[in-house]
Amino acid sequence: MPDHLRGPSGRGPNVRRWWVAVRDHPSAVLLVGQLLVVVAHPFLEPSAAGRAVLGVGQMALVLTAVYVVRRTPALSWVAITLGLPSMVFAVLEAVRPHTDWVVLVSAAVHVPFYFFVSYAMIRYLFHDDRVTRDELYATGAAFTVVAWAFAYLYAAVQVLWPGSFVGAGPPGDRPWFDLLFLSFTTLTSVGLSDVLPVEPHARSFVMVEQVAGVLYVALVIARLVGLNARRRAG
């Protein structure tokens, strides 16, 4: 081990502190990991090898999400049961992104998995009257997890109802990254997406996500601010 990582005992206390920080703040790892996938996706998606790397990255995110759920009051076995097939189809969909049955089955396992993870993290935020640093990270991670869930839902929608979404670029089904972009812009209510739902089923799911985004800010963020204010007043 390099000398600058060794402490007086020679056991690398800086490395241990880093590991403890990662272990104690899995919500931060999940949040940062999802944002890294967003940034890396345009670089890796054009090639088969890059898509495979994205699939492995998605698999790592699923594992992280399962670990996050295990730290919450929610049921771990549900996350594990949904997480295992999610990992398999994360890689399979990266290799075969245009196979309809793969997209549908992947959505069928990813959507309930990510919604359950978001439920577990929100329950984690509400389970006591104390705001920890990891709960603050969980606020952002839960938000991105919901965006991921709706992106997979939109992928299934355009398989079941072709032509559900239109946007810039060649006509036809939108790539998954376009649907993730639509999900983030819908959930945050910024309205910047050039991907638009044009079929009734697609529009109905987009409206549900708009309501979810507003409720998330109203319930979760307001609660955290209120708890912090009460703690300081006390």
C-alpha atoms as a PDB file:
ATOM      1  CA  MET A   1       0.000   0.000   0.000  1.00  0.00           C
ATOM      2  CA  PRO A   2       1.351   3.493  -0.799  1.00  0.00           C
ATOM      3  CA  ASP A   3       2.872   5.363   2.122  1.00  0.00           C
ATOM      4  CA  HIS A   4       0.372   8.230   1.925  1.00  0.00           C
ATOM      5  CA  LEU A   5      -2.463   5.762   2.656  1.00  0.00           C
ATOM      6  CA  ARG A   6      -0.737   4.260   5.669  1.00  0.00           C
ATOM      7  CA  GLY A   7      -1.215   5.582   9.169  1.00  0.00           C
ATOM      8  CA  PRO A   8       1.041   5.056  12.170  1.00  0.00           C
ATOM      9  CA  SER A   9      -0.243   1.501  12.517  1.00  0.00           C
ATOM     10  CA  GLY A  10       0.457   0.747   8.846  1.00  0.00           C
ATOM     11  CA  ARG A  11      -3.125  -0.427   8.222  1.00  0.00           C
ATOM     12  CA  GLY A  12      -4.209   2.310   5.874  1.00  0.00           C
ATOM     13  CA  PRO A  13      -6.651   4.311   8.027  1.00  0.00           C
ATOM     14  CA  ASN A  14      -7.564   6.564   5.111  1.00  0.00           C
ATOM     15  CA  VAL A  15      -8.715   3.571   3.088  1.00  0.00           C
ATOM     16  CA  ARG A  16     -10.663   2.256   6.067  1.00  0.00           C
ATOM     17  CA  ARG A  17     -12.342   5.613   6.602  1.00  0.00           C
ATOM     18  CA  TRP A  18     -13.310   5.681   2.926  1.00  0.00           C
ATOM     19  CA  TRP A  19     -14.761   2.170   3.161  1.00  0.00           C
ATOM     20  CA  VAL A  20     -16.680   3.024   6.341  1.00  0.00           C
ATOM     21  CA  ALA A  21     -18.122   6.106   4.626  1.00  0.00           C
ATOM     22  CA  VAL A  22     -19.283   3.987   1.667  1.00  0.00           C
ATOM     23  CA  ARG A  23     -20.682   1.294   3.966  1.00  0.00           C
ATOM     24  CA  ASP A  24     -22.553   3.788   6.137  1.00  0.00           C
ATOM     25  CA  HIS A  25     -23.980   5.807   3.218  1.00  0.00           C
ATOM     26  CA  PRO A  26     -25.214   3.314   0.600  1.00  0.00           C
ATOM     27  CA  SER A  27     -27.871   5.795  -0.504  1.00  0.00           C
ATOM     28  CA  ALA A  28     -25.099   8.138  -1.607  1.00  0.00           C
ATOM     29  CA  VAL A  29     -23.467   5.303  -3.559  1.00  0.00           C
ATOM     30  CA  LEU A  30     -26.774   4.574  -5.299  1.00  0.00           C
ATOM     31  CA  LEU A  31     -27.353   8.244  -6.130  1.00  0.00           C
ATOM     32  CA  VAL A  32     -23.839   8.805  -7.487  1.00  0.00           C
ATOM     33  CA  GLY A  33     -23.931   5.506  -9.395  1.00  0.00           C
ATOM     34  CA  GLN A  34     -27.159   6.391 -11.179  1.00  0.00           C
ATOM     35  CA  LEU A  35     -25.857   9.825 -12.130  1.00  0.00           C
ATOM     36  CA  LEU A  36     -22.640   8.271 -13.445  1.00  0.00           C
ATOM     37  CA  VAL A  37     -24.668   5.901 -15.622  1.00  0.00           C
ATOM     38  CA  VAL A  38     -26.579   8.900 -16.995  1.00  0.00           C
ATOM     39  CA  VAL A  39     -23.336  10.679 -17.899  1.00  0.00           C
ATOM     40  CA  ALA A  40     -21.628   7.558 -19.286  1.00  0.00           C
ATOM     41  CA  HIS A  41     -24.572   6.307 -21.344  1.00  0.00           C
ATOM     42  CA  PRO A  42     -23.994   8.489 -24.468  1.00  0.00           C
ATOM     43  CA  PHE A  43     -20.367   7.359 -24.600  1.00  0.00           C
ATOM     44  CA  LEU A  44     -21.019   3.638 -24.176  1.00  0.00           C
ATOM     45  CA  GLU A  45     -24.395   2.989 -25.793  1.00  0.00           C
ATOM     46  CA  PRO A  46     -23.305   3.007 -29.501  1.00  0.00           C
ATOM     47  CA  SER A  47     -21.162  -0.155 -29.188  1.00  0.00           C
ATOM     48  CA  ALA A  48     -22.082  -3.674 -28.059  1.00  0.00           C
ATOM     49  CA  ALA A  49     -19.171  -3.698 -25.606  1.00  0.00           C
ATOM     50  CA  GLY A  50     -20.281  -0.361 -24.203  1.00  0.00           C
ATOM     51  CA  ARG A  51     -23.840  -1.626 -23.759  1.00  0.00           C
ATOM     52  CA  ALA A  52     -22.469  -4.647 -21.941  1.00  0.00           C
ATOM     53  CA  VAL A  53     -20.567  -2.323 -19.596  1.00  0.00           C
ATOM     54  CA  LEU A  54     -23.788  -0.383 -19.026  1.00  0.00           C
ATOM     55  CA  GLY A  55     -25.556  -3.653 -18.275  1.00  0.00           C
ATOM     56  CA  VAL A  56     -22.961  -4.562 -15.673  1.00  0.00           C
ATOM     57  CA  GLY A  57     -23.238  -1.049 -14.240  1.00  0.00           C
ATOM     58  CA  GLN A  58     -27.000  -1.435 -14.023  1.00  0.00           C
ATOM     59  CA  MET A  59     -26.487  -4.767 -12.293  1.00  0.00           C
ATOM     60  CA  ALA A  60     -24.204  -3.090  -9.749  1.00  0.00           C
ATOM     61  CA  LEU A  61     -26.870  -0.432  -9.163  1.00  0.00           C
ATOM     62  CA  VAL A  62     -29.457  -3.151  -8.530  1.00  0.00           C
ATOM     63  CA  LEU A  63     -27.144  -4.765  -5.972  1.00  0.00           C
ATOM     64  CA  THR A  64     -26.621  -1.395  -4.314  1.00  0.00           C
ATOM     65  CA  ALA A  65     -30.367  -0.789  -4.247  1.00  0.00           C
ATOM     66  CA  VAL A  66     -30.931  -4.177  -2.584  1.00  0.00           C
ATOM     67  CA  TYR A  67     -28.318  -3.296   0.039  1.00  0.00           C
ATOM     68  CA  VAL A  68     -30.026   0.064   0.622  1.00  0.00           C
ATOM     69  CA  VAL A  69     -33.376  -1.660   1.162  1.00  0.00           C
ATOM     70  CA  ARG A  70     -31.809  -4.027   3.696  1.00  0.00           C
ATOM     71  CA  ARG A  71     -30.993  -0.983   5.857  1.00  0.00           C
ATOM     72  CA  THR A  72     -34.601   0.239   5.804  1.00  0.00           C
ATOM     73  CA  PRO A  73     -37.718  -0.999   7.655  1.00  0.00           C
ATOM     74  CA  ALA A  74     -39.013  -2.545   4.398  1.00  0.00           C
ATOM     75  CA  LEU A  75     -38.958  -6.258   3.538  1.00  0.00           C
ATOM     76  CA  SER A  76     -35.537  -7.297   2.236  1.00  0.00           C
ATOM     77  CA  TRP A  77     -36.760 -10.548   0.722  1.00  0.00           C
ATOM     78  CA  VAL A  78     -39.017  -8.634  -1.662  1.00  0.00           C
ATOM     79  CA  ALA A  79     -36.079  -6.587  -2.934  1.00  0.00           C
ATOM     80  CA  ILE A  80     -33.949  -9.713  -3.343  1.00  0.00           C
ATOM     81  CA  THR A  81     -36.721 -11.621  -5.146  1.00  0.00           C
ATOM     82  CA  LEU A  82     -37.240  -8.777  -7.614  1.00  0.00           C
ATOM     83  CA  GLY A  83     -33.562  -7.814  -7.781  1.00  0.00           C
ATOM     84  CA  LEU A  84     -32.169 -11.140  -9.006  1.00  0.00           C
ATOM     85  CA  PRO A  85     -34.145 -11.244 -12.286  1.00  0.00           C
ATOM     86  CA  SER A  86     -33.560  -7.496 -12.670  1.00  0.00           C
ATOM     87  CA  MET A  87     -29.806  -8.092 -12.719  1.00  0.00           C
ATOM     88  CA  VAL A  88     -30.154 -10.789 -15.373  1.00  0.00           C
ATOM     89  CA  PHE A  89     -32.317  -8.685 -17.661  1.00  0.00           C
ATOM     90  CA  ALA A  90     -30.189  -5.570 -17.131  1.00  0.00           C
ATOM     91  CA  VAL A  91     -27.389  -7.367 -18.956  1.00  0.00           C
ATOM     92  CA  LEU A  92     -29.662  -9.154 -21.444  1.00  0.00           C
ATOM     93  CA  GLU A  93     -31.394  -5.925 -22.448  1.00  0.00           C
ATOM     94  CA  ALA A  94     -28.024  -4.230 -22.934  1.00  0.00           C
ATOM     95  CA  VAL A  95     -27.057  -6.978 -25.390  1.00  0.00           C
ATOM     96  CA  ARG A  96     -30.457  -7.209 -27.130  1.00  0.00           C
ATOM     97  CA  PRO A  97     -32.057  -3.765 -26.724  1.00  0.00           C
ATOM     98  CA  HIS A  98     -34.442  -4.125 -29.677  1.00  0.00           C
ATOM     99  CA  THR A  99     -35.960  -7.526 -28.861  1.00  0.00           C
ATOM    100  CA  ASP A 100     -39.544  -6.908 -27.794  1.00  0.00           C
ATOM    101  CA  TRP A 101     -39.933  -9.792 -25.364  1.00  0.00           C
ATOM    102  CA  VAL A 102     -36.657  -8.893 -23.648  1.00  0.00           C
ATOM    103  CA  VAL A 103     -37.792  -5.288 -23.250  1.00  0.00           C
ATOM    104  CA  LEU A 104     -41.195  -6.350 -21.890  1.00  0.00           C
ATOM    105  CA  VAL A 105     -39.849  -8.871 -19.386  1.00  0.00           C
ATOM    106  CA  SER A 106     -37.116  -6.461 -18.334  1.00  0.00           C
ATOM    107  CA  ALA A 107     -39.740  -3.805 -17.659  1.00  0.00           C
ATOM    108  CA  ALA A 108     -41.923  -6.344 -15.837  1.00  0.00           C
ATOM    109  CA  VAL A 109     -39.140  -6.990 -13.308  1.00  0.00           C
ATOM    110  CA  HIS A 110     -37.469  -3.576 -13.195  1.00  0.00           C
ATOM    111  CA  VAL A 111     -40.600  -1.454 -12.716  1.00  0.00           C
ATOM    112  CA  PRO A 112     -41.855  -3.193  -9.537  1.00  0.00           C
ATOM    113  CA  PHE A 113     -38.287  -3.497  -8.256  1.00  0.00           C
ATOM    114  CA  TYR A 114     -37.505   0.208  -8.572  1.00  0.00           C
ATOM    115  CA  PHE A 115     -40.903   1.245  -7.237  1.00  0.00           C
ATOM    116  CA  PHE A 116     -40.387  -1.004  -4.227  1.00  0.00           C
ATOM    117  CA  VAL A 117     -36.917   0.467  -3.675  1.00  0.00           C
ATOM    118  CA  SER A 118     -38.368   3.977  -3.805  1.00  0.00           C
ATOM    119  CA  TYR A 119     -41.099   2.940  -1.342  1.00  0.00           C
ATOM    120  CA  ALA A 120     -38.469   1.472   0.999  1.00  0.00           C
ATOM    121  CA  MET A 121     -36.337   4.620   0.855  1.00  0.00           C
ATOM    122  CA  ILE A 122     -39.303   6.918   1.474  1.00  0.00           C
ATOM    123  CA  ARG A 123     -40.340   4.718   4.405  1.00  0.00           C
ATOM    124  CA  TYR A 124     -36.754   5.002   5.621  1.00  0.00           C
ATOM    125  CA  LEU A 125     -37.090   8.795   5.523  1.00  0.00           C
ATOM    126  CA  PHE A 126     -40.322   8.710   7.533  1.00  0.00           C
ATOM    127  CA  HIS A 127     -39.508   6.017  10.093  1.00  0.00           C
ATOM    128  CA  ASP A 128     -38.308   8.434  12.797  1.00  0.00           C
ATOM    129  CA  ASP A 129     -38.016  12.115  13.648  1.00  0.00           C
ATOM    130  CA  ARG A 130     -34.285  12.335  13.089  1.00  0.00           C
ATOM    131  CA  VAL A 131     -32.608  13.376   9.840  1.00  0.00           C
ATOM    132  CA  THR A 132     -29.306  11.620   9.218  1.00  0.00           C
ATOM    133  CA  ARG A 133     -26.818  12.283   6.465  1.00  0.00           C
ATOM    134  CA  ASP A 134     -27.714   9.021   4.737  1.00  0.00           C
ATOM    135  CA  GLU A 135     -31.394   9.996   4.793  1.00  0.00           C
ATOM    136  CA  LEU A 136     -30.501  13.189   2.962  1.00  0.00           C
ATOM    137  CA  TYR A 137     -28.722  11.140   0.315  1.00  0.00           C
ATOM    138  CA  ALA A 138     -31.731   8.821   0.208  1.00  0.00           C
ATOM    139  CA  THR A 139     -33.906  11.806  -0.696  1.00  0.00           C
ATOM    140  CA  GLY A 140     -32.033  12.261  -3.961  1.00  0.00           C
ATOM    141  CA  ALA A 141     -31.572   8.539  -4.597  1.00  0.00           C
ATOM    142  CA  ALA A 142     -35.279   7.797  -4.198  1.00  0.00           C
ATOM    143  CA  PHE A 143     -36.074  10.530  -6.712  1.00  0.00           C
ATOM    144  CA  THR A 144     -33.751   9.062  -9.347  1.00  0.00           C
ATOM    145  CA  VAL A 145     -35.043   5.550  -8.643  1.00  0.00           C
ATOM    146  CA  VAL A 146     -38.592   6.692  -9.456  1.00  0.00           C
ATOM    147  CA  ALA A 147     -37.324   8.226 -12.704  1.00  0.00           C
ATOM    148  CA  TRP A 148     -35.687   4.896 -13.604  1.00  0.00           C
ATOM    149  CA  ALA A 149     -38.915   3.017 -12.881  1.00  0.00           C
ATOM    150  CA  PHE A 150     -40.978   5.205 -15.196  1.00  0.00           C
ATOM    151  CA  ALA A 151     -38.346   4.966 -17.944  1.00  0.00           C
ATOM    152  CA  TYR A 152     -38.704   1.174 -17.927  1.00  0.00           C
ATOM    153  CA  LEU A 153     -42.479   1.586 -17.854  1.00  0.00           C
ATOM    154  CA  TYR A 154     -42.328   3.814 -20.944  1.00  0.00           C
ATOM    155  CA  ALA A 155     -40.153   1.225 -22.701  1.00  0.00           C
ATOM    156  CA  ALA A 156     -42.895  -1.364 -22.165  1.00  0.00           C
ATOM    157  CA  VAL A 157     -45.594   1.095 -23.263  1.00  0.00           C
ATOM    158  CA  GLN A 158     -44.012   1.696 -26.664  1.00  0.00           C
ATOM    159  CA  VAL A 159     -43.691  -2.062 -27.219  1.00  0.00           C
ATOM    160  CA  LEU A 160     -47.353  -2.652 -26.367  1.00  0.00           C
ATOM    161  CA  TRP A 161     -48.578   0.451 -28.215  1.00  0.00           C
ATOM    162  CA  PRO A 162     -46.152   1.271 -31.033  1.00  0.00           C
ATOM    163  CA  GLY A 163     -45.807   4.933 -31.871  1.00  0.00           C
ATOM    164  CA  SER A 164     -46.560   6.024 -28.309  1.00  0.00           C
ATOM    165  CA  PHE A 165     -43.663   8.499 -28.282  1.00  0.00           C
ATOM    166  CA  VAL A 166     -42.226  10.824 -30.896  1.00  0.00           C
ATOM    167  CA  GLY A 167     -39.182  13.027 -30.763  1.00  0.00           C
ATOM    168  CA  ALA A 168     -36.087  14.334 -32.483  1.00  0.00           C
ATOM    169  CA  GLY A 169     -34.210  11.837 -34.608  1.00  0.00           C
ATOM    170  CA  PRO A 170     -35.296   9.019 -36.910  1.00  0.00           C
ATOM    171  CA  PRO A 171     -38.935   7.912 -36.716  1.00  0.00           C
ATOM    172  CA  GLY A 172     -39.766   4.794 -34.757  1.00  0.00           C
ATOM    173  CA  ASP A 173     -39.430   3.661 -31.181  1.00  0.00           C
ATOM    174  CA  ARG A 174     -37.443   5.948 -28.919  1.00  0.00           C
ATOM    175  CA  PRO A 175     -34.189   4.584 -27.451  1.00  0.00           C
ATOM    176  CA  TRP A 176     -34.240   3.816 -23.743  1.00  0.00           C
ATOM    177  CA  PHE A 177     -32.037   6.818 -22.962  1.00  0.00           C
ATOM    178  CA  ASP A 178     -34.591   9.108 -24.630  1.00  0.00           C
ATOM    179  CA  LEU A 179     -37.262   7.614 -22.396  1.00  0.00           C
ATOM    180  CA  LEU A 180     -35.063   8.153 -19.331  1.00  0.00           C
ATOM    181  CA  PHE A 181     -34.637  11.780 -20.402  1.00  0.00           C
ATOM    182  CA  LEU A 182     -38.425  12.094 -20.756  1.00  0.00           C
ATOM    183  CA  SER A 183     -38.869  10.547 -17.307  1.00  0.00           C
ATOM    184  CA  PHE A 184     -36.471  12.950 -15.608  1.00  0.00           C
ATOM    185  CA  THR A 185     -37.963  16.015 -17.278  1.00  0.00           C
ATOM    186  CA  THR A 186     -41.482  14.871 -16.414  1.00  0.00           C
ATOM    187  CA  LEU A 187     -40.689  14.008 -12.798  1.00  0.00           C
ATOM    188  CA  THR A 188     -38.914  17.328 -12.219  1.00  0.00           C
ATOM    189  CA  SER A 189     -41.680  19.226 -14.059  1.00  0.00           C
ATOM    190  CA  VAL A 190     -39.148  21.281 -16.028  1.00  0.00           C
ATOM    191  CA  GLY A 191     -40.807  20.418 -19.350  1.00  0.00           C
ATOM    192  CA  LEU A 192     -37.612  20.456 -21.412  1.00  0.00           C
ATOM    193  CA  SER A 193     -38.070  17.126 -23.180  1.00  0.00           C
ATOM    194  CA  ASP A 194     -38.195  16.912 -26.966  1.00  0.00           C
ATOM    195  CA  VAL A 195     -39.680  13.423 -26.555  1.00  0.00           C
ATOM    196  CA  LEU A 196     -43.460  13.609 -26.461  1.00  0.00           C
ATOM    197  CA  PRO A 197     -46.218  11.104 -25.651  1.00  0.00           C
ATOM    198  CA  VAL A 198     -48.755  11.105 -28.480  1.00  0.00           C
ATOM    199  CA  GLU A 199     -50.855   8.003 -27.770  1.00  0.00           C
ATOM    200  CA  PRO A 200     -53.492   7.993 -24.986  1.00  0.00           C
ATOM    201  CA  HIS A 201     -51.863   5.215 -22.935  1.00  0.00           C
ATOM    202  CA  ALA A 202     -48.495   6.927 -23.004  1.00  0.00           C
ATOM    203  CA  ARG A 203     -50.014  10.244 -21.988  1.00  0.00           C
ATOM    204  CA  SER A 204     -51.859   8.657 -19.072  1.00  0.00           C
ATOM    205  CA  PHE A 205     -48.614   7.240 -17.617  1.00  0.00           C
ATOM    206  CA  VAL A 206     -46.837  10.556 -18.140  1.00  0.00           C
ATOM    207  CA  MET A 207     -49.599  12.316 -16.199  1.00  0.00           C
ATOM    208  CA  VAL A 208     -49.197   9.822 -13.355  1.00  0.00           C
ATOM    209  CA  GLU A 209     -45.480  10.604 -13.223  1.00  0.00           C
ATOM    210  CA  GLN A 210     -46.200  14.338 -13.161  1.00  0.00           C
ATOM    211  CA  VAL A 211     -48.419  13.842 -10.113  1.00  0.00           C
ATOM    212  CA  ALA A 212     -45.754  11.637  -8.481  1.00  0.00           C
ATOM    213  CA  GLY A 213     -43.116  14.326  -8.952  1.00  0.00           C
ATOM    214  CA  VAL A 214     -45.266  17.019  -7.359  1.00  0.00           C
ATOM    215  CA  LEU A 215     -46.265  14.788  -4.434  1.00  0.00           C
ATOM    216  CA  TYR A 216     -42.660  13.767  -3.829  1.00  0.00           C
ATOM    217  CA  VAL A 217     -41.546  17.352  -3.409  1.00  0.00           C
ATOM    218  CA  ALA A 218     -44.587  18.226  -1.321  1.00  0.00           C
ATOM    219  CA  LEU A 219     -44.322  15.263   1.069  1.00  0.00           C
ATOM    220  CA  VAL A 220     -40.676  14.261   1.341  1.00  0.00           C
ATOM    221  CA  ILE A 221     -38.815  17.529   0.934  1.00  0.00           C
ATOM    222  CA  ALA A 222     -41.291  19.432   3.109  1.00  0.00           C
ATOM    223  CA  ARG A 223     -40.939  16.827   5.864  1.00  0.00           C
ATOM    224  CA  LEU A 224     -37.149  16.984   5.844  1.00  0.00           C
ATOM    225  CA  VAL A 225     -37.182  20.774   5.973  1.00  0.00           C
ATOM    226  CA  GLY A 226     -39.723  20.701   8.802  1.00  0.00           C
ATOM    227  CA  LEU A 227     -37.686  18.196  10.840  1.00  0.00           C
ATOM    228  CA  ASN A 228     -34.521  20.221  10.403  1.00  0.00           C
ATOM    229  CA  ALA A 229     -36.318  23.415  11.435  1.00  0.00           C
ATOM    230  CA  ARG A 230     -37.810  21.732  14.521  1.00  0.00           C
ATOM    231  CA  ARG A 231     -34.448  20.322  15.530  1.00  0.00           C
ATOM    232  CA  ARG A 232     -32.805  23.743  15.323  1.00  0.00           C
ATOM    233  CA  ALA A 233     -35.654  25.358  17.211  1.00  0.00           C
ATOM    234  CA  GLY A 234     -35.346  22.715  19.932  1.00  0.00           C
END
